[in-house]
Amino acid sequence: MGNNKQKRVYLDTNVFKNYLSGENTIIPHSYFAFETFKKIRDEQFILIVSDWLKEECKKIGISSENFEKIIHEFNLKTEEVKTSKEDIEKTRKICRSTNETHYADALHAVLAIKAKTDFLVTGNIEHFSIFIDKIEILFPSDFLNV
């Protein structure tokens, strides 16, 4: 018998942004974002939602209402993770030790790892390269093949 543990996924802010953008290109990022949300729903993943993700979404113009609308539109099962002082200190320490990541992305990774997430899905894998030994980091298009 296989492992029936529900998989856990953390989405970077850009996945929400891309979903709402509705870009009109040959294969728009919004298509992969839509399919990512659909996969999370259809395969019953648990979406890990951090207070930092919500804050960063607000900074780029995604209101709390629009954020929640996406969650409800796809009827996603979610679990919240809160940022602690220890998470902030750990993130600052990581950022001081390397110039390979930005604070915002490092905090997403720290929170995803804290929440024992199986996958971190982002359009900016290069910003998360220092975390690849701790969590599986995927583009939305690659997540669709998991």
N, C-alpha and C. Protein backbone atom coordinates (compact mmCIF):
# COMPACT_ATOMS: atom_id res chain seq x y z
N MET A 1 0.84 -1.19 0.00
CA MET A 1 0.00 0.00 0.00
C MET A 1 0.87 1.25 0.00
N GLY A 2 0.46 2.27 -0.74
CA GLY A 2 1.21 3.52 -0.82
C GLY A 2 0.94 4.41 0.38
N ASN A 3 1.67 5.49 0.43
CA ASN A 3 1.53 6.47 1.50
C ASN A 3 0.32 7.35 1.20
N ASN A 4 -0.67 7.35 2.11
CA ASN A 4 -1.89 8.12 1.90
C ASN A 4 -1.82 9.51 2.52
N LYS A 5 -0.66 9.91 3.01
CA LYS A 5 -0.49 11.23 3.61
C LYS A 5 -0.81 12.30 2.58
N GLN A 6 -1.64 13.26 2.98
CA GLN A 6 -1.94 14.36 2.07
C GLN A 6 -0.71 15.20 1.83
N LYS A 7 -0.44 15.47 0.57
CA LYS A 7 0.71 16.30 0.22
C LYS A 7 0.40 17.75 0.55
N ARG A 8 1.46 18.47 0.89
CA ARG A 8 1.35 19.87 1.29
C ARG A 8 2.10 20.73 0.29
N VAL A 9 1.50 21.84 -0.10
CA VAL A 9 2.11 22.72 -1.10
C VAL A 9 2.03 24.17 -0.63
N TYR A 10 3.10 24.89 -0.87
CA TYR A 10 3.18 26.33 -0.57
C TYR A 10 3.39 27.04 -1.90
N LEU A 11 2.55 28.02 -2.18
CA LEU A 11 2.67 28.78 -3.43
C LEU A 11 3.30 30.14 -3.15
N ASP A 12 4.26 30.50 -3.97
CA ASP A 12 4.86 31.82 -3.90
C ASP A 12 3.83 32.84 -4.38
N THR A 13 4.02 34.07 -4.00
CA THR A 13 3.11 35.17 -4.35
C THR A 13 2.88 35.26 -5.85
N ASN A 14 3.92 34.99 -6.64
CA ASN A 14 3.78 35.17 -8.09
C ASN A 14 2.76 34.23 -8.71
N VAL A 15 2.47 33.10 -8.07
CA VAL A 15 1.45 32.19 -8.61
C VAL A 15 0.07 32.84 -8.50
N PHE A 16 -0.20 33.48 -7.37
CA PHE A 16 -1.46 34.21 -7.20
C PHE A 16 -1.54 35.38 -8.19
N LYS A 17 -0.45 36.11 -8.32
CA LYS A 17 -0.39 37.25 -9.25
C LYS A 17 -0.64 36.78 -10.68
N ASN A 18 0.00 35.70 -11.07
CA ASN A 18 -0.16 35.20 -12.43
C ASN A 18 -1.58 34.72 -12.69
N TYR A 19 -2.20 34.11 -11.70
CA TYR A 19 -3.58 33.64 -11.87
C TYR A 19 -4.51 34.82 -12.16
N LEU A 20 -4.32 35.90 -11.43
CA LEU A 20 -5.20 37.06 -11.58
C LEU A 20 -4.87 37.92 -12.79
N SER A 21 -3.66 37.75 -13.35
CA SER A 21 -3.23 38.61 -14.45
C SER A 21 -3.94 38.32 -15.76
N GLY A 22 -4.28 37.06 -16.01
CA GLY A 22 -4.94 36.69 -17.24
C GLY A 22 -4.17 37.11 -18.48
N GLU A 23 -2.84 36.96 -18.43
CA GLU A 23 -1.99 37.36 -19.56
C GLU A 23 -2.48 36.75 -20.87
N ASN A 24 -2.31 37.49 -21.93
CA ASN A 24 -2.76 37.04 -23.24
C ASN A 24 -1.55 36.75 -24.12
N THR A 25 -0.82 35.69 -23.77
CA THR A 25 0.33 35.27 -24.58
C THR A 25 0.04 33.87 -25.09
N ILE A 26 0.96 33.29 -25.83
CA ILE A 26 0.72 31.97 -26.41
C ILE A 26 0.36 30.96 -25.32
N ILE A 27 1.22 30.78 -24.33
CA ILE A 27 0.88 29.97 -23.16
C ILE A 27 1.12 30.86 -21.95
N PRO A 28 0.07 31.53 -21.50
CA PRO A 28 0.25 32.51 -20.42
C PRO A 28 0.56 31.85 -19.07
N HIS A 29 1.29 32.62 -18.25
CA HIS A 29 1.56 32.16 -16.89
C HIS A 29 0.26 31.94 -16.14
N SER A 30 -0.79 32.69 -16.49
CA SER A 30 -2.07 32.53 -15.81
C SER A 30 -2.64 31.13 -16.04
N TYR A 31 -2.37 30.54 -17.20
CA TYR A 31 -2.83 29.17 -17.48
C TYR A 31 -2.19 28.19 -16.49
N PHE A 32 -0.87 28.28 -16.30
CA PHE A 32 -0.19 27.37 -15.38
C PHE A 32 -0.63 27.61 -13.93
N ALA A 33 -0.89 28.88 -13.59
CA ALA A 33 -1.39 29.18 -12.24
C ALA A 33 -2.77 28.55 -12.05
N PHE A 34 -3.65 28.71 -13.03
CA PHE A 34 -4.99 28.11 -12.97
C PHE A 34 -4.88 26.59 -12.80
N GLU A 35 -4.06 25.97 -13.62
CA GLU A 35 -3.90 24.52 -13.56
C GLU A 35 -3.28 24.08 -12.23
N THR A 36 -2.43 24.91 -11.64
CA THR A 36 -1.83 24.61 -10.34
C THR A 36 -2.92 24.59 -9.27
N PHE A 37 -3.77 25.61 -9.24
CA PHE A 37 -4.86 25.63 -8.26
C PHE A 37 -5.80 24.44 -8.47
N LYS A 38 -6.07 24.13 -9.74
CA LYS A 38 -6.95 22.99 -10.06
C LYS A 38 -6.35 21.68 -9.56
N LYS A 39 -5.05 21.49 -9.75
CA LYS A 39 -4.38 20.27 -9.30
C LYS A 39 -4.44 20.16 -7.77
N ILE A 40 -4.21 21.27 -7.09
CA ILE A 40 -4.27 21.26 -5.63
C ILE A 40 -5.65 20.80 -5.17
N ARG A 41 -6.68 21.32 -5.83
CA ARG A 41 -8.05 20.91 -5.50
C ARG A 41 -8.32 19.45 -5.86
N ASP A 42 -8.05 19.10 -7.10
CA ASP A 42 -8.43 17.78 -7.60
C ASP A 42 -7.68 16.65 -6.92
N GLU A 43 -6.42 16.90 -6.54
CA GLU A 43 -5.63 15.85 -5.90
C GLU A 43 -5.59 16.01 -4.38
N GLN A 44 -6.40 16.93 -3.87
CA GLN A 44 -6.59 17.13 -2.44
C GLN A 44 -5.30 17.42 -1.68
N PHE A 45 -4.49 18.27 -2.25
CA PHE A 45 -3.32 18.78 -1.54
C PHE A 45 -3.80 19.72 -0.45
N ILE A 46 -2.97 19.93 0.55
CA ILE A 46 -3.23 20.96 1.54
C ILE A 46 -2.40 22.17 1.12
N LEU A 47 -3.06 23.31 0.93
CA LEU A 47 -2.37 24.54 0.58
C LEU A 47 -1.94 25.23 1.86
N ILE A 48 -0.65 25.41 2.02
CA ILE A 48 -0.11 26.11 3.19
C ILE A 48 -0.15 27.61 2.89
N VAL A 49 -0.83 28.35 3.76
CA VAL A 49 -0.98 29.80 3.59
C VAL A 49 -0.34 30.49 4.78
N SER A 50 0.64 31.32 4.50
CA SER A 50 1.32 32.05 5.58
C SER A 50 0.81 33.48 5.67
N ASP A 51 0.95 34.05 6.85
CA ASP A 51 0.64 35.46 7.01
C ASP A 51 1.54 36.31 6.11
N TRP A 52 2.77 35.85 5.88
CA TRP A 52 3.70 36.56 5.00
C TRP A 52 3.20 36.54 3.55
N LEU A 53 2.67 35.43 3.10
CA LEU A 53 2.11 35.33 1.75
C LEU A 53 0.97 36.34 1.58
N LYS A 54 0.08 36.38 2.55
CA LYS A 54 -1.05 37.32 2.48
C LYS A 54 -0.56 38.77 2.47
N GLU A 55 0.44 39.06 3.30
CA GLU A 55 0.99 40.42 3.36
C GLU A 55 1.64 40.81 2.04
N GLU A 56 2.41 39.89 1.49
CA GLU A 56 3.09 40.18 0.22
C GLU A 56 2.08 40.34 -0.92
N CYS A 57 1.02 39.54 -0.90
CA CYS A 57 -0.04 39.70 -1.91
C CYS A 57 -0.67 41.09 -1.83
N LYS A 58 -0.92 41.55 -0.61
CA LYS A 58 -1.48 42.90 -0.44
C LYS A 58 -0.55 43.95 -1.02
N LYS A 59 0.76 43.78 -0.82
CA LYS A 59 1.74 44.75 -1.32
C LYS A 59 1.72 44.87 -2.85
N ILE A 60 1.35 43.80 -3.53
CA ILE A 60 1.33 43.84 -5.00
C ILE A 60 -0.09 44.06 -5.54
N GLY A 61 -1.02 44.40 -4.65
CA GLY A 61 -2.35 44.77 -5.10
C GLY A 61 -3.40 43.68 -5.07
N ILE A 62 -3.12 42.56 -4.44
CA ILE A 62 -4.12 41.50 -4.31
C ILE A 62 -4.79 41.68 -2.95
N SER A 63 -6.02 42.11 -2.97
CA SER A 63 -6.74 42.37 -1.72
C SER A 63 -7.00 41.06 -0.97
N SER A 64 -7.27 41.19 0.31
CA SER A 64 -7.64 40.01 1.11
C SER A 64 -8.85 39.32 0.52
N GLU A 65 -9.79 40.12 0.02
CA GLU A 65 -11.02 39.56 -0.58
C GLU A 65 -10.68 38.73 -1.83
N ASN A 66 -9.82 39.27 -2.70
CA ASN A 66 -9.44 38.51 -3.90
C ASN A 66 -8.64 37.26 -3.56
N PHE A 67 -7.79 37.36 -2.53
CA PHE A 67 -7.02 36.20 -2.09
C PHE A 67 -7.98 35.10 -1.64
N GLU A 68 -8.92 35.46 -0.77
CA GLU A 68 -9.89 34.49 -0.25
C GLU A 68 -10.80 33.96 -1.35
N LYS A 69 -11.10 34.82 -2.32
CA LYS A 69 -11.95 34.41 -3.44
C LYS A 69 -11.30 33.26 -4.22
N ILE A 70 -9.99 33.34 -4.42
CA ILE A 70 -9.27 32.25 -5.11
C ILE A 70 -9.39 30.96 -4.30
N ILE A 71 -9.16 31.05 -3.00
CA ILE A 71 -9.23 29.87 -2.14
C ILE A 71 -10.61 29.23 -2.23
N HIS A 72 -11.66 30.06 -2.17
CA HIS A 72 -13.04 29.55 -2.20
C HIS A 72 -13.46 29.11 -3.59
N GLU A 73 -12.98 29.83 -4.61
CA GLU A 73 -13.32 29.48 -5.99
C GLU A 73 -12.90 28.05 -6.31
N PHE A 74 -11.75 27.66 -5.80
CA PHE A 74 -11.24 26.30 -6.05
C PHE A 74 -11.56 25.34 -4.91
N ASN A 75 -12.22 25.85 -3.85
CA ASN A 75 -12.58 25.03 -2.70
C ASN A 75 -11.36 24.29 -2.14
N LEU A 76 -10.31 25.07 -1.86
CA LEU A 76 -9.03 24.51 -1.43
C LEU A 76 -9.00 24.28 0.07
N LYS A 77 -8.39 23.18 0.45
CA LYS A 77 -8.15 22.90 1.86
C LYS A 77 -6.86 23.62 2.24
N THR A 78 -6.92 24.46 3.26
CA THR A 78 -5.75 25.25 3.63
C THR A 78 -5.35 24.99 5.07
N GLU A 79 -4.11 25.34 5.33
CA GLU A 79 -3.58 25.31 6.69
C GLU A 79 -2.71 26.55 6.83
N GLU A 80 -2.88 27.26 7.94
CA GLU A 80 -2.14 28.51 8.14
C GLU A 80 -0.84 28.26 8.88
N VAL A 81 0.16 29.05 8.51
CA VAL A 81 1.43 29.07 9.24
C VAL A 81 1.74 30.54 9.53
N LYS A 82 2.07 30.81 10.78
CA LYS A 82 2.34 32.18 11.23
C LYS A 82 3.84 32.41 11.33
N THR A 83 4.25 33.62 11.02
CA THR A 83 5.65 34.02 11.11
C THR A 83 5.98 34.35 12.56
N SER A 84 7.03 33.73 13.08
CA SER A 84 7.48 34.01 14.45
C SER A 84 8.75 34.86 14.41
N LYS A 85 9.13 35.37 15.56
CA LYS A 85 10.39 36.13 15.67
C LYS A 85 11.55 35.25 15.26
N GLU A 86 11.48 33.96 15.61
CA GLU A 86 12.55 33.02 15.25
C GLU A 86 12.65 32.86 13.73
N ASP A 87 11.50 32.83 13.06
CA ASP A 87 11.51 32.73 11.59
C ASP A 87 12.17 33.94 10.96
N ILE A 88 11.86 35.11 11.49
CA ILE A 88 12.45 36.36 10.98
C ILE A 88 13.96 36.36 11.20
N GLU A 89 14.38 35.95 12.39
CA GLU A 89 15.81 35.92 12.70
C GLU A 89 16.55 34.90 11.82
N LYS A 90 15.95 33.74 11.63
CA LYS A 90 16.53 32.70 10.78
C LYS A 90 16.68 33.22 9.34
N THR A 91 15.65 33.91 8.87
CA THR A 91 15.67 34.46 7.51
C THR A 91 16.76 35.51 7.36
N ARG A 92 16.86 36.39 8.35
CA ARG A 92 17.91 37.43 8.30
C ARG A 92 19.29 36.80 8.29
N LYS A 93 19.47 35.76 9.08
CA LYS A 93 20.76 35.07 9.14
C LYS A 93 21.10 34.45 7.77
N ILE A 94 20.12 33.83 7.15
CA ILE A 94 20.32 33.24 5.82
C ILE A 94 20.72 34.33 4.83
N CYS A 95 20.01 35.44 4.87
CA CYS A 95 20.28 36.54 3.91
C CYS A 95 21.64 37.19 4.15
N ARG A 96 22.08 37.23 5.40
CA ARG A 96 23.41 37.78 5.69
C ARG A 96 24.52 36.86 5.20
N SER A 97 24.23 35.57 5.16
CA SER A 97 25.27 34.60 4.80
C SER A 97 25.40 34.36 3.29
N THR A 98 24.45 34.87 2.51
CA THR A 98 24.49 34.66 1.06
C THR A 98 23.81 35.80 0.35
N ASN A 99 24.19 36.01 -0.90
CA ASN A 99 23.48 37.00 -1.72
C ASN A 99 22.67 36.29 -2.81
N GLU A 100 22.39 35.00 -2.60
CA GLU A 100 21.68 34.19 -3.60
C GLU A 100 20.17 34.25 -3.46
N THR A 101 19.66 34.96 -2.46
CA THR A 101 18.22 35.03 -2.27
C THR A 101 17.83 36.39 -1.72
N HIS A 102 16.56 36.72 -1.89
CA HIS A 102 15.99 37.95 -1.35
C HIS A 102 15.30 37.60 -0.04
N TYR A 103 15.21 38.58 0.85
CA TYR A 103 14.56 38.36 2.15
C TYR A 103 13.14 37.80 1.98
N ALA A 104 12.35 38.41 1.09
CA ALA A 104 10.96 37.99 0.92
C ALA A 104 10.86 36.52 0.52
N ASP A 105 11.69 36.10 -0.42
CA ASP A 105 11.66 34.71 -0.86
C ASP A 105 12.22 33.78 0.20
N ALA A 106 13.27 34.20 0.88
CA ALA A 106 13.84 33.37 1.95
C ALA A 106 12.81 33.13 3.05
N LEU A 107 12.03 34.15 3.38
CA LEU A 107 11.00 33.97 4.41
C LEU A 107 9.92 33.00 3.94
N HIS A 108 9.53 33.06 2.67
CA HIS A 108 8.59 32.07 2.14
C HIS A 108 9.14 30.65 2.33
N ALA A 109 10.41 30.46 1.99
CA ALA A 109 11.02 29.14 2.12
C ALA A 109 11.10 28.69 3.57
N VAL A 110 11.50 29.58 4.46
CA VAL A 110 11.59 29.25 5.88
C VAL A 110 10.22 28.82 6.40
N LEU A 111 9.18 29.52 6.02
CA LEU A 111 7.83 29.18 6.48
C LEU A 111 7.33 27.88 5.86
N ALA A 112 7.64 27.67 4.59
CA ALA A 112 7.23 26.42 3.94
C ALA A 112 7.91 25.22 4.59
N ILE A 113 9.19 25.36 4.91
CA ILE A 113 9.93 24.28 5.57
C ILE A 113 9.38 24.05 6.98
N LYS A 114 9.13 25.13 7.70
CA LYS A 114 8.56 25.04 9.05
C LYS A 114 7.23 24.27 9.03
N ALA A 115 6.42 24.49 7.99
CA ALA A 115 5.11 23.85 7.87
C ALA A 115 5.20 22.43 7.30
N LYS A 116 6.44 21.93 7.14
CA LYS A 116 6.66 20.58 6.60
C LYS A 116 5.97 20.39 5.24
N THR A 117 6.18 21.38 4.39
CA THR A 117 5.59 21.39 3.06
C THR A 117 6.38 20.47 2.12
N ASP A 118 5.66 19.76 1.26
CA ASP A 118 6.31 18.87 0.30
C ASP A 118 6.85 19.63 -0.91
N PHE A 119 6.12 20.66 -1.35
CA PHE A 119 6.50 21.39 -2.56
C PHE A 119 6.34 22.89 -2.35
N LEU A 120 7.30 23.65 -2.83
CA LEU A 120 7.18 25.10 -2.91
C LEU A 120 7.11 25.42 -4.40
N VAL A 121 6.01 26.03 -4.83
CA VAL A 121 5.80 26.30 -6.25
C VAL A 121 5.99 27.79 -6.51
N THR A 122 6.84 28.11 -7.48
CA THR A 122 7.20 29.50 -7.76
C THR A 122 7.59 29.67 -9.22
N GLY A 123 7.48 30.88 -9.69
CA GLY A 123 7.99 31.21 -11.02
C GLY A 123 9.44 31.67 -10.98
N ASN A 124 9.99 31.76 -9.76
CA ASN A 124 11.35 32.27 -9.57
C ASN A 124 12.24 31.25 -8.85
N ILE A 125 12.42 30.11 -9.43
CA ILE A 125 13.20 29.05 -8.78
C ILE A 125 14.59 29.54 -8.38
N GLU A 126 15.19 30.38 -9.21
CA GLU A 126 16.55 30.84 -8.92
C GLU A 126 16.64 31.57 -7.59
N HIS A 127 15.55 32.19 -7.14
CA HIS A 127 15.55 32.89 -5.85
C HIS A 127 15.54 31.92 -4.66
N PHE A 128 15.26 30.65 -4.93
CA PHE A 128 15.13 29.66 -3.87
C PHE A 128 16.21 28.58 -3.94
N SER A 129 17.20 28.77 -4.79
CA SER A 129 18.19 27.71 -5.04
C SER A 129 18.91 27.23 -3.79
N ILE A 130 19.10 28.09 -2.81
CA ILE A 130 19.83 27.67 -1.60
C ILE A 130 18.98 26.75 -0.71
N PHE A 131 17.71 26.57 -1.05
CA PHE A 131 16.83 25.74 -0.22
C PHE A 131 16.53 24.38 -0.85
N ILE A 132 17.13 24.08 -2.01
CA ILE A 132 16.75 22.86 -2.74
C ILE A 132 17.07 21.57 -1.98
N ASP A 133 17.97 21.63 -1.01
CA ASP A 133 18.26 20.42 -0.23
C ASP A 133 17.27 20.25 0.93
N LYS A 134 16.38 21.24 1.14
CA LYS A 134 15.44 21.18 2.26
C LYS A 134 13.98 21.01 1.83
N ILE A 135 13.68 21.40 0.59
CA ILE A 135 12.31 21.34 0.09
C ILE A 135 12.35 21.25 -1.43
N GLU A 136 11.36 20.56 -2.01
CA GLU A 136 11.30 20.46 -3.46
C GLU A 136 10.68 21.74 -4.03
N ILE A 137 11.42 22.41 -4.89
CA ILE A 137 11.01 23.69 -5.45
C ILE A 137 10.73 23.49 -6.94
N LEU A 138 9.52 23.89 -7.37
CA LEU A 138 9.09 23.62 -8.73
C LEU A 138 8.45 24.83 -9.39
N PHE A 139 8.61 24.93 -10.71
CA PHE A 139 7.81 25.86 -11.49
C PHE A 139 6.38 25.31 -11.51
N PRO A 140 5.37 26.17 -11.68
CA PRO A 140 4.00 25.65 -11.80
C PRO A 140 3.86 24.59 -12.88
N SER A 141 4.51 24.79 -14.02
CA SER A 141 4.42 23.80 -15.11
C SER A 141 4.99 22.45 -14.71
N ASP A 142 6.04 22.44 -13.87
CA ASP A 142 6.62 21.18 -13.39
C ASP A 142 5.76 20.55 -12.31
N PHE A 143 5.15 21.38 -11.47
CA PHE A 143 4.26 20.87 -10.42
C PHE A 143 3.10 20.08 -11.02
N LEU A 144 2.64 20.48 -12.19
CA LEU A 144 1.53 19.77 -12.84
C LEU A 144 1.86 18.33 -13.15
N ASN A 145 3.16 18.00 -13.23
CA ASN A 145 3.59 16.63 -13.56
C ASN A 145 3.96 15.80 -12.35
N VAL A 146 3.76 16.35 -11.16
CA VAL A 146 4.12 15.62 -9.93
C VAL A 146 3.08 14.55 -9.67
